[in-house]
């Protein structure tokens, strides 16, 4: 197949993935990994994939946070406890060289479980009624999600968003805003960890067209999610994202 056509197809895929993920405040890492694994880039080492996906995360999550925050959905006091512990652990995860089917299996099941739980939530749920998370719980969850994020190469929003909703710590749009900032700092910490362990292998010639694709997609998706979508729509979009991510990981394990 012509290389130019292949690159165009990848960029279109990244564009649509970034629209979907940014609409719920996510950077799109799990979607980008899924797409790239279906191409010649799937033969690259996991460190290469993680780092390039983290860069795309920085672009899209940054845009998502900008739009959701501007629309008044972000609360720093609720986000800070999760971030404080996630940063060092995401750095540690990016520093480590970890692979394994056991981890991939646990990750797949976790994503699938979260998707099913959110899907079973009634549309009549009082989505605007929330409580503040206990600091101890927020610190613990932030550390655990940060470590997993650094190891696997995602920003962690795909874990944090369903947690915030299932615990009733945030509305769907507030969860999206918190997840966006969480993803941004964890992606940056993961890149710093890779740099510290001499694993940084970014290829900017490869990244430039990818960045252009997710930039436009992120602008469209985050604006729609923060300003136009209903709270239940944002939640349902998140369910779709979780199912896509878990399906991809499960097929990778067994096929």
C-alpha atoms as a PDB file:
ATOM      1  CA  UNK A   1       0.000   0.000   0.000  1.00  0.00           C
ATOM      2  CA  UNK A   2       1.239   3.501  -0.807  1.00  0.00           C
ATOM      3  CA  UNK A   3       2.940   5.103   2.222  1.00  0.00           C
ATOM      4  CA  UNK A   4       1.253   8.452   1.608  1.00  0.00           C
ATOM      5  CA  UNK A   5      -2.204   6.850   1.610  1.00  0.00           C
ATOM      6  CA  UNK A   6      -1.355   4.887   4.763  1.00  0.00           C
ATOM      7  CA  UNK A   7      -0.257   8.047   6.564  1.00  0.00           C
ATOM      8  CA  UNK A   8      -3.438   9.834   5.473  1.00  0.00           C
ATOM      9  CA  UNK A   9      -5.580   6.960   6.741  1.00  0.00           C
ATOM     10  CA  UNK A  10      -3.773   6.989  10.093  1.00  0.00           C
ATOM     11  CA  UNK A  11      -4.236  10.740  10.426  1.00  0.00           C
ATOM     12  CA  UNK A  12      -7.968  10.438   9.678  1.00  0.00           C
ATOM     13  CA  UNK A  13      -8.201   7.740  12.348  1.00  0.00           C
ATOM     14  CA  UNK A  14      -6.356   9.880  14.878  1.00  0.00           C
ATOM     15  CA  UNK A  15      -8.603  12.811  14.000  1.00  0.00           C
ATOM     16  CA  UNK A  16     -11.823  10.912  14.738  1.00  0.00           C
ATOM     17  CA  UNK A  17     -10.405   9.254  17.863  1.00  0.00           C
ATOM     18  CA  UNK A  18      -9.375  12.647  19.244  1.00  0.00           C
ATOM     19  CA  UNK A  19     -12.901  13.996  18.627  1.00  0.00           C
ATOM     20  CA  UNK A  20     -14.486  11.140  20.579  1.00  0.00           C
ATOM     21  CA  UNK A  21     -12.026  11.120  23.478  1.00  0.00           C
ATOM     22  CA  UNK A  22     -11.703  14.892  23.888  1.00  0.00           C
ATOM     23  CA  UNK A  23     -15.502  15.161  24.108  1.00  0.00           C
ATOM     24  CA  UNK A  24     -15.236  13.428  27.509  1.00  0.00           C
ATOM     25  CA  UNK A  25     -12.047  15.204  28.593  1.00  0.00           C
ATOM     26  CA  UNK A  26      -9.638  12.428  27.603  1.00  0.00           C
ATOM     27  CA  UNK A  27      -6.417  12.633  25.626  1.00  0.00           C
ATOM     28  CA  UNK A  28      -7.126   9.515  23.563  1.00  0.00           C
ATOM     29  CA  UNK A  29      -4.049   7.425  24.386  1.00  0.00           C
ATOM     30  CA  UNK A  30      -5.818   4.059  24.450  1.00  0.00           C
ATOM     31  CA  UNK A  31      -7.448   4.833  21.101  1.00  0.00           C
ATOM     32  CA  UNK A  32      -4.178   5.959  19.523  1.00  0.00           C
ATOM     33  CA  UNK A  33      -2.441   2.816  20.773  1.00  0.00           C
ATOM     34  CA  UNK A  34      -5.248   0.721  19.301  1.00  0.00           C
ATOM     35  CA  UNK A  35      -4.985   2.407  15.911  1.00  0.00           C
ATOM     36  CA  UNK A  36      -1.198   2.412  15.692  1.00  0.00           C
ATOM     37  CA  UNK A  37      -1.033  -1.251  16.684  1.00  0.00           C
ATOM     38  CA  UNK A  38      -2.963  -2.091  13.511  1.00  0.00           C
ATOM     39  CA  UNK A  39      -0.277  -0.471  11.340  1.00  0.00           C
ATOM     40  CA  UNK A  40       3.460  -0.904  10.842  1.00  0.00           C
ATOM     41  CA  UNK A  41       3.947   1.237  13.945  1.00  0.00           C
ATOM     42  CA  UNK A  42       2.597  -1.674  15.963  1.00  0.00           C
ATOM     43  CA  UNK A  43       5.957  -3.363  15.460  1.00  0.00           C
ATOM     44  CA  UNK A  44       7.732  -0.566  17.320  1.00  0.00           C
ATOM     45  CA  UNK A  45       8.835  -1.096  20.918  1.00  0.00           C
ATOM     46  CA  UNK A  46       6.348  -0.273  23.668  1.00  0.00           C
ATOM     47  CA  UNK A  47       8.524   2.643  24.834  1.00  0.00           C
ATOM     48  CA  UNK A  48       8.302   4.230  21.359  1.00  0.00           C
ATOM     49  CA  UNK A  49       4.520   3.870  21.252  1.00  0.00           C
ATOM     50  CA  UNK A  50       4.015   5.169  24.794  1.00  0.00           C
ATOM     51  CA  UNK A  51       6.084   8.283  24.266  1.00  0.00           C
ATOM     52  CA  UNK A  52       4.514   9.301  20.972  1.00  0.00           C
ATOM     53  CA  UNK A  53       1.038   8.723  22.382  1.00  0.00           C
ATOM     54  CA  UNK A  54       1.882  10.822  25.459  1.00  0.00           C
ATOM     55  CA  UNK A  55       2.784  13.751  23.201  1.00  0.00           C
ATOM     56  CA  UNK A  56      -0.598  13.470  21.474  1.00  0.00           C
ATOM     57  CA  UNK A  57      -2.207  13.282  24.912  1.00  0.00           C
ATOM     58  CA  UNK A  58      -0.602  16.581  25.890  1.00  0.00           C
ATOM     59  CA  UNK A  59      -2.186  18.282  22.881  1.00  0.00           C
ATOM     60  CA  UNK A  60      -5.698  16.856  23.204  1.00  0.00           C
ATOM     61  CA  UNK A  61      -5.992  16.803  27.002  1.00  0.00           C
ATOM     62  CA  UNK A  62      -4.703  20.369  27.098  1.00  0.00           C
ATOM     63  CA  UNK A  63      -7.437  21.472  24.702  1.00  0.00           C
ATOM     64  CA  UNK A  64     -10.067  19.526  26.629  1.00  0.00           C
ATOM     65  CA  UNK A  65      -9.051  21.087  29.925  1.00  0.00           C
ATOM     66  CA  UNK A  66      -9.052  24.543  28.365  1.00  0.00           C
ATOM     67  CA  UNK A  67     -12.618  24.171  27.087  1.00  0.00           C
ATOM     68  CA  UNK A  68     -14.094  22.409  30.125  1.00  0.00           C
ATOM     69  CA  UNK A  69     -12.405  24.830  32.519  1.00  0.00           C
ATOM     70  CA  UNK A  70     -13.539  27.858  30.508  1.00  0.00           C
ATOM     71  CA  UNK A  71     -17.098  26.507  30.602  1.00  0.00           C
ATOM     72  CA  UNK A  72     -16.931  26.470  34.419  1.00  0.00           C
ATOM     73  CA  UNK A  73     -16.765  22.711  35.008  1.00  0.00           C
ATOM     74  CA  UNK A  74     -13.402  22.464  36.790  1.00  0.00           C
ATOM     75  CA  UNK A  75     -12.782  22.474  40.537  1.00  0.00           C
ATOM     76  CA  UNK A  76      -9.094  22.641  41.504  1.00  0.00           C
ATOM     77  CA  UNK A  77      -9.729  21.574  45.101  1.00  0.00           C
ATOM     78  CA  UNK A  78     -11.241  18.318  43.851  1.00  0.00           C
ATOM     79  CA  UNK A  79      -8.502  17.676  41.299  1.00  0.00           C
ATOM     80  CA  UNK A  80      -5.402  18.553  43.339  1.00  0.00           C
ATOM     81  CA  UNK A  81      -5.337  15.521  45.706  1.00  0.00           C
ATOM     82  CA  UNK A  82      -5.413  13.095  42.767  1.00  0.00           C
ATOM     83  CA  UNK A  83      -2.660  14.963  40.923  1.00  0.00           C
ATOM     84  CA  UNK A  84      -0.288  15.353  43.881  1.00  0.00           C
ATOM     85  CA  UNK A  85       0.317  11.621  44.155  1.00  0.00           C
ATOM     86  CA  UNK A  86      -0.192  10.710  40.501  1.00  0.00           C
ATOM     87  CA  UNK A  87       2.755  12.788  39.225  1.00  0.00           C
ATOM     88  CA  UNK A  88       5.577  10.960  41.049  1.00  0.00           C
ATOM     89  CA  UNK A  89       4.012   7.565  40.401  1.00  0.00           C
ATOM     90  CA  UNK A  90       3.440   8.294  36.710  1.00  0.00           C
ATOM     91  CA  UNK A  91       7.099   9.345  36.572  1.00  0.00           C
ATOM     92  CA  UNK A  92       8.025   6.019  38.194  1.00  0.00           C
ATOM     93  CA  UNK A  93       5.836   4.078  35.753  1.00  0.00           C
ATOM     94  CA  UNK A  94       7.437   5.860  32.794  1.00  0.00           C
ATOM     95  CA  UNK A  95      10.867   5.062  34.247  1.00  0.00           C
ATOM     96  CA  UNK A  96      10.162   1.339  34.595  1.00  0.00           C
ATOM     97  CA  UNK A  97      10.414  -1.216  31.800  1.00  0.00           C
ATOM     98  CA  UNK A  98       7.315  -3.348  32.370  1.00  0.00           C
ATOM     99  CA  UNK A  99       5.455  -5.716  30.055  1.00  0.00           C
ATOM    100  CA  UNK A 100       3.323  -8.776  30.615  1.00  0.00           C
ATOM    101  CA  UNK A 101       0.084 -10.543  29.785  1.00  0.00           C
ATOM    102  CA  UNK A 102      -1.059 -10.517  33.431  1.00  0.00           C
ATOM    103  CA  UNK A 103      -1.044  -6.723  33.552  1.00  0.00           C
ATOM    104  CA  UNK A 104      -2.793  -6.467  30.181  1.00  0.00           C
ATOM    105  CA  UNK A 105      -5.476  -8.883  31.362  1.00  0.00           C
ATOM    106  CA  UNK A 106      -6.129  -6.921  34.552  1.00  0.00           C
ATOM    107  CA  UNK A 107      -6.244  -3.673  32.597  1.00  0.00           C
ATOM    108  CA  UNK A 108      -8.739  -5.073  30.088  1.00  0.00           C
ATOM    109  CA  UNK A 109     -11.024  -6.414  32.802  1.00  0.00           C
ATOM    110  CA  UNK A 110     -10.870  -3.131  34.732  1.00  0.00           C
ATOM    111  CA  UNK A 111     -11.892  -1.095  31.694  1.00  0.00           C
ATOM    112  CA  UNK A 112     -14.693  -3.520  30.859  1.00  0.00           C
ATOM    113  CA  UNK A 113     -15.978  -3.507  34.449  1.00  0.00           C
ATOM    114  CA  UNK A 114     -16.026   0.304  34.562  1.00  0.00           C
ATOM    115  CA  UNK A 115     -17.884   0.480  31.241  1.00  0.00           C
ATOM    116  CA  UNK A 116     -20.543  -1.991  32.390  1.00  0.00           C
ATOM    117  CA  UNK A 117     -21.014  -0.220  35.736  1.00  0.00           C
ATOM    118  CA  UNK A 118     -21.504   3.138  34.025  1.00  0.00           C
ATOM    119  CA  UNK A 119     -23.819   1.608  31.440  1.00  0.00           C
ATOM    120  CA  UNK A 120     -26.047   0.225  34.201  1.00  0.00           C
ATOM    121  CA  UNK A 121     -26.394   3.610  35.886  1.00  0.00           C
ATOM    122  CA  UNK A 122     -29.937   4.875  35.466  1.00  0.00           C
ATOM    123  CA  UNK A 123     -30.514   7.887  33.252  1.00  0.00           C
ATOM    124  CA  UNK A 124     -32.565   9.199  36.158  1.00  0.00           C
ATOM    125  CA  UNK A 125     -29.486   9.350  38.398  1.00  0.00           C
ATOM    126  CA  UNK A 126     -29.104  12.770  40.004  1.00  0.00           C
ATOM    127  CA  UNK A 127     -25.932  13.622  38.078  1.00  0.00           C
ATOM    128  CA  UNK A 128     -25.655  17.048  39.729  1.00  0.00           C
ATOM    129  CA  UNK A 129     -25.583  15.634  43.273  1.00  0.00           C
ATOM    130  CA  UNK A 130     -21.972  14.962  44.253  1.00  0.00           C
ATOM    131  CA  UNK A 131     -19.808  14.730  47.369  1.00  0.00           C
ATOM    132  CA  UNK A 132     -16.189  15.583  48.083  1.00  0.00           C
ATOM    133  CA  UNK A 133     -13.745  12.627  48.039  1.00  0.00           C
ATOM    134  CA  UNK A 134     -11.834  11.929  51.242  1.00  0.00           C
ATOM    135  CA  UNK A 135      -8.260  13.150  50.867  1.00  0.00           C
ATOM    136  CA  UNK A 136      -6.800   9.764  51.818  1.00  0.00           C
ATOM    137  CA  UNK A 137      -8.813   7.970  49.164  1.00  0.00           C
ATOM    138  CA  UNK A 138      -7.980  10.577  46.538  1.00  0.00           C
ATOM    139  CA  UNK A 139      -4.244  10.307  47.290  1.00  0.00           C
ATOM    140  CA  UNK A 140      -4.366   6.496  47.086  1.00  0.00           C
ATOM    141  CA  UNK A 141      -6.338   6.385  43.859  1.00  0.00           C
ATOM    142  CA  UNK A 142      -4.137   9.100  42.329  1.00  0.00           C
ATOM    143  CA  UNK A 143      -0.978   7.123  43.112  1.00  0.00           C
ATOM    144  CA  UNK A 144      -2.333   3.838  41.764  1.00  0.00           C
ATOM    145  CA  UNK A 145      -3.730   5.329  38.577  1.00  0.00           C
ATOM    146  CA  UNK A 146      -0.569   7.363  38.048  1.00  0.00           C
ATOM    147  CA  UNK A 147       1.625   4.257  38.291  1.00  0.00           C
ATOM    148  CA  UNK A 148      -0.560   2.233  35.898  1.00  0.00           C
ATOM    149  CA  UNK A 149      -0.671   5.164  33.489  1.00  0.00           C
ATOM    150  CA  UNK A 150       3.100   5.469  33.393  1.00  0.00           C
ATOM    151  CA  UNK A 151       3.571   1.752  32.838  1.00  0.00           C
ATOM    152  CA  UNK A 152       1.028   1.278  30.063  1.00  0.00           C
ATOM    153  CA  UNK A 153       1.439   4.608  28.308  1.00  0.00           C
ATOM    154  CA  UNK A 154      -1.880   6.369  28.900  1.00  0.00           C
ATOM    155  CA  UNK A 155      -2.811   9.481  30.842  1.00  0.00           C
ATOM    156  CA  UNK A 156      -5.084   7.748  33.352  1.00  0.00           C
ATOM    157  CA  UNK A 157      -8.330   9.535  32.567  1.00  0.00           C
ATOM    158  CA  UNK A 158      -9.861   6.289  31.382  1.00  0.00           C
ATOM    159  CA  UNK A 159      -9.589   5.095  35.007  1.00  0.00           C
ATOM    160  CA  UNK A 160     -10.245   8.373  36.828  1.00  0.00           C
ATOM    161  CA  UNK A 161     -13.426   9.451  34.981  1.00  0.00           C
ATOM    162  CA  UNK A 162     -15.480   6.318  35.765  1.00  0.00           C
ATOM    163  CA  UNK A 163     -14.150   6.353  39.331  1.00  0.00           C
ATOM    164  CA  UNK A 164     -15.343   9.929  39.881  1.00  0.00           C
ATOM    165  CA  UNK A 165     -18.777   9.091  38.457  1.00  0.00           C
ATOM    166  CA  UNK A 166     -19.243   5.753  40.216  1.00  0.00           C
ATOM    167  CA  UNK A 167     -18.218   7.286  43.568  1.00  0.00           C
ATOM    168  CA  UNK A 168     -20.469  10.287  42.826  1.00  0.00           C
ATOM    169  CA  UNK A 169     -17.542  12.635  43.366  1.00  0.00           C
ATOM    170  CA  UNK A 170     -18.274  14.636  40.213  1.00  0.00           C
ATOM    171  CA  UNK A 171     -20.833  15.259  37.482  1.00  0.00           C
ATOM    172  CA  UNK A 172     -19.914  13.931  34.016  1.00  0.00           C
ATOM    173  CA  UNK A 173     -18.630  17.312  32.858  1.00  0.00           C
ATOM    174  CA  UNK A 174     -16.752  18.004  36.084  1.00  0.00           C
ATOM    175  CA  UNK A 175     -15.205  14.525  35.796  1.00  0.00           C
ATOM    176  CA  UNK A 176     -14.149  15.356  32.243  1.00  0.00           C
ATOM    177  CA  UNK A 177     -12.456  18.564  33.387  1.00  0.00           C
ATOM    178  CA  UNK A 178     -10.615  16.821  36.224  1.00  0.00           C
ATOM    179  CA  UNK A 179      -9.586  13.936  33.952  1.00  0.00           C
ATOM    180  CA  UNK A 180      -8.210  16.306  31.321  1.00  0.00           C
ATOM    181  CA  UNK A 181      -5.808  18.000  33.746  1.00  0.00           C
ATOM    182  CA  UNK A 182      -4.943  14.643  35.342  1.00  0.00           C
ATOM    183  CA  UNK A 183      -4.088  13.207  31.920  1.00  0.00           C
ATOM    184  CA  UNK A 184      -1.954  16.195  30.990  1.00  0.00           C
ATOM    185  CA  UNK A 185       0.245  16.083  34.086  1.00  0.00           C
ATOM    186  CA  UNK A 186       0.577  12.288  33.990  1.00  0.00           C
ATOM    187  CA  UNK A 187       1.570  12.295  30.317  1.00  0.00           C
ATOM    188  CA  UNK A 188       4.201  14.935  31.035  1.00  0.00           C
ATOM    189  CA  UNK A 189       5.453  12.952  34.051  1.00  0.00           C
ATOM    190  CA  UNK A 190       5.644   9.768  31.969  1.00  0.00           C
ATOM    191  CA  UNK A 191       7.758  11.533  29.342  1.00  0.00           C
ATOM    192  CA  UNK A 192      10.055  12.889  32.049  1.00  0.00           C
ATOM    193  CA  UNK A 193      10.397   9.392  33.503  1.00  0.00           C
ATOM    194  CA  UNK A 194      11.303   7.991  30.088  1.00  0.00           C
ATOM    195  CA  UNK A 195      13.860  10.764  29.686  1.00  0.00           C
ATOM    196  CA  UNK A 196      15.385  10.062  33.098  1.00  0.00           C
ATOM    197  CA  UNK A 197      15.801   6.367  32.233  1.00  0.00           C
ATOM    198  CA  UNK A 198      17.370   7.191  28.834  1.00  0.00           C
ATOM    199  CA  UNK A 199      14.414   5.694  26.950  1.00  0.00           C
ATOM    200  CA  UNK A 200      13.307   8.850  25.112  1.00  0.00           C
ATOM    201  CA  UNK A 201      12.964   8.001  21.393  1.00  0.00           C
ATOM    202  CA  UNK A 202      10.665  10.689  19.973  1.00  0.00           C
ATOM    203  CA  UNK A 203      10.671  11.080  16.194  1.00  0.00           C
ATOM    204  CA  UNK A 204       9.339  14.553  15.448  1.00  0.00           C
ATOM    205  CA  UNK A 205       9.055  13.955  11.691  1.00  0.00           C
ATOM    206  CA  UNK A 206       6.599  11.178  12.501  1.00  0.00           C
ATOM    207  CA  UNK A 207       4.806  13.204  15.164  1.00  0.00           C
ATOM    208  CA  UNK A 208       4.068  16.362  13.160  1.00  0.00           C
ATOM    209  CA  UNK A 209       1.238  15.005  10.957  1.00  0.00           C
ATOM    210  CA  UNK A 210      -0.171  13.121  13.957  1.00  0.00           C
ATOM    211  CA  UNK A 211      -0.189  16.309  16.025  1.00  0.00           C
ATOM    212  CA  UNK A 212      -1.979  18.220  13.264  1.00  0.00           C
ATOM    213  CA  UNK A 213      -4.680  15.523  13.104  1.00  0.00           C
ATOM    214  CA  UNK A 214      -5.385  15.388  16.846  1.00  0.00           C
ATOM    215  CA  UNK A 215      -5.177  19.160  17.193  1.00  0.00           C
ATOM    216  CA  UNK A 216      -8.176  19.689  14.928  1.00  0.00           C
ATOM    217  CA  UNK A 217     -10.037  16.711  16.365  1.00  0.00           C
ATOM    218  CA  UNK A 218      -9.385  17.835  19.919  1.00  0.00           C
ATOM    219  CA  UNK A 219     -10.684  21.315  19.193  1.00  0.00           C
ATOM    220  CA  UNK A 220     -13.948  19.949  17.787  1.00  0.00           C
ATOM    221  CA  UNK A 221     -14.549  17.262  20.411  1.00  0.00           C
ATOM    222  CA  UNK A 222     -13.687  19.267  23.513  1.00  0.00           C
ATOM    223  CA  UNK A 223     -15.790  22.222  22.391  1.00  0.00           C
ATOM    224  CA  UNK A 224     -18.776  19.958  21.743  1.00  0.00           C
ATOM    225  CA  UNK A 225     -18.459  18.069  25.029  1.00  0.00           C
ATOM    226  CA  UNK A 226     -17.941  21.119  27.237  1.00  0.00           C
ATOM    227  CA  UNK A 227     -20.420  23.535  25.680  1.00  0.00           C
ATOM    228  CA  UNK A 228     -23.135  21.634  23.817  1.00  0.00           C
ATOM    229  CA  UNK A 229     -23.486  18.027  25.015  1.00  0.00           C
ATOM    230  CA  UNK A 230     -25.852  17.087  27.849  1.00  0.00           C
ATOM    231  CA  UNK A 231     -24.403  15.510  31.020  1.00  0.00           C
ATOM    232  CA  UNK A 232     -25.909  12.114  30.116  1.00  0.00           C
ATOM    233  CA  UNK A 233     -24.480  12.381  26.601  1.00  0.00           C
ATOM    234  CA  UNK A 234     -20.986  12.915  28.016  1.00  0.00           C
ATOM    235  CA  UNK A 235     -21.442   9.891  30.278  1.00  0.00           C
ATOM    236  CA  UNK A 236     -22.634   7.718  27.379  1.00  0.00           C
ATOM    237  CA  UNK A 237     -19.698   8.833  25.246  1.00  0.00           C
ATOM    238  CA  UNK A 238     -17.398   7.793  28.092  1.00  0.00           C
ATOM    239  CA  UNK A 239     -19.038   4.346  28.145  1.00  0.00           C
ATOM    240  CA  UNK A 240     -18.336   4.023  24.410  1.00  0.00           C
ATOM    241  CA  UNK A 241     -14.695   5.011  24.935  1.00  0.00           C
ATOM    242  CA  UNK A 242     -14.270   2.413  27.700  1.00  0.00           C
ATOM    243  CA  UNK A 243     -15.832  -0.367  25.626  1.00  0.00           C
ATOM    244  CA  UNK A 244     -13.616   0.469  22.644  1.00  0.00           C
ATOM    245  CA  UNK A 245     -10.474   0.459  24.782  1.00  0.00           C
ATOM    246  CA  UNK A 246     -11.326  -2.790  26.584  1.00  0.00           C
ATOM    247  CA  UNK A 247     -12.359  -4.568  23.362  1.00  0.00           C
ATOM    248  CA  UNK A 248      -9.074  -3.622  21.735  1.00  0.00           C
ATOM    249  CA  UNK A 249      -7.028  -4.957  24.637  1.00  0.00           C
ATOM    250  CA  UNK A 250      -8.986  -8.185  24.884  1.00  0.00           C
ATOM    251  CA  UNK A 251      -8.594  -8.891  21.151  1.00  0.00           C
ATOM    252  CA  UNK A 252      -4.859  -8.208  21.452  1.00  0.00           C
ATOM    253  CA  UNK A 253      -4.608 -10.814  24.191  1.00  0.00           C
ATOM    254  CA  UNK A 254      -6.519 -13.623  22.490  1.00  0.00           C
ATOM    255  CA  UNK A 255      -6.158 -13.073  18.731  1.00  0.00           C
END
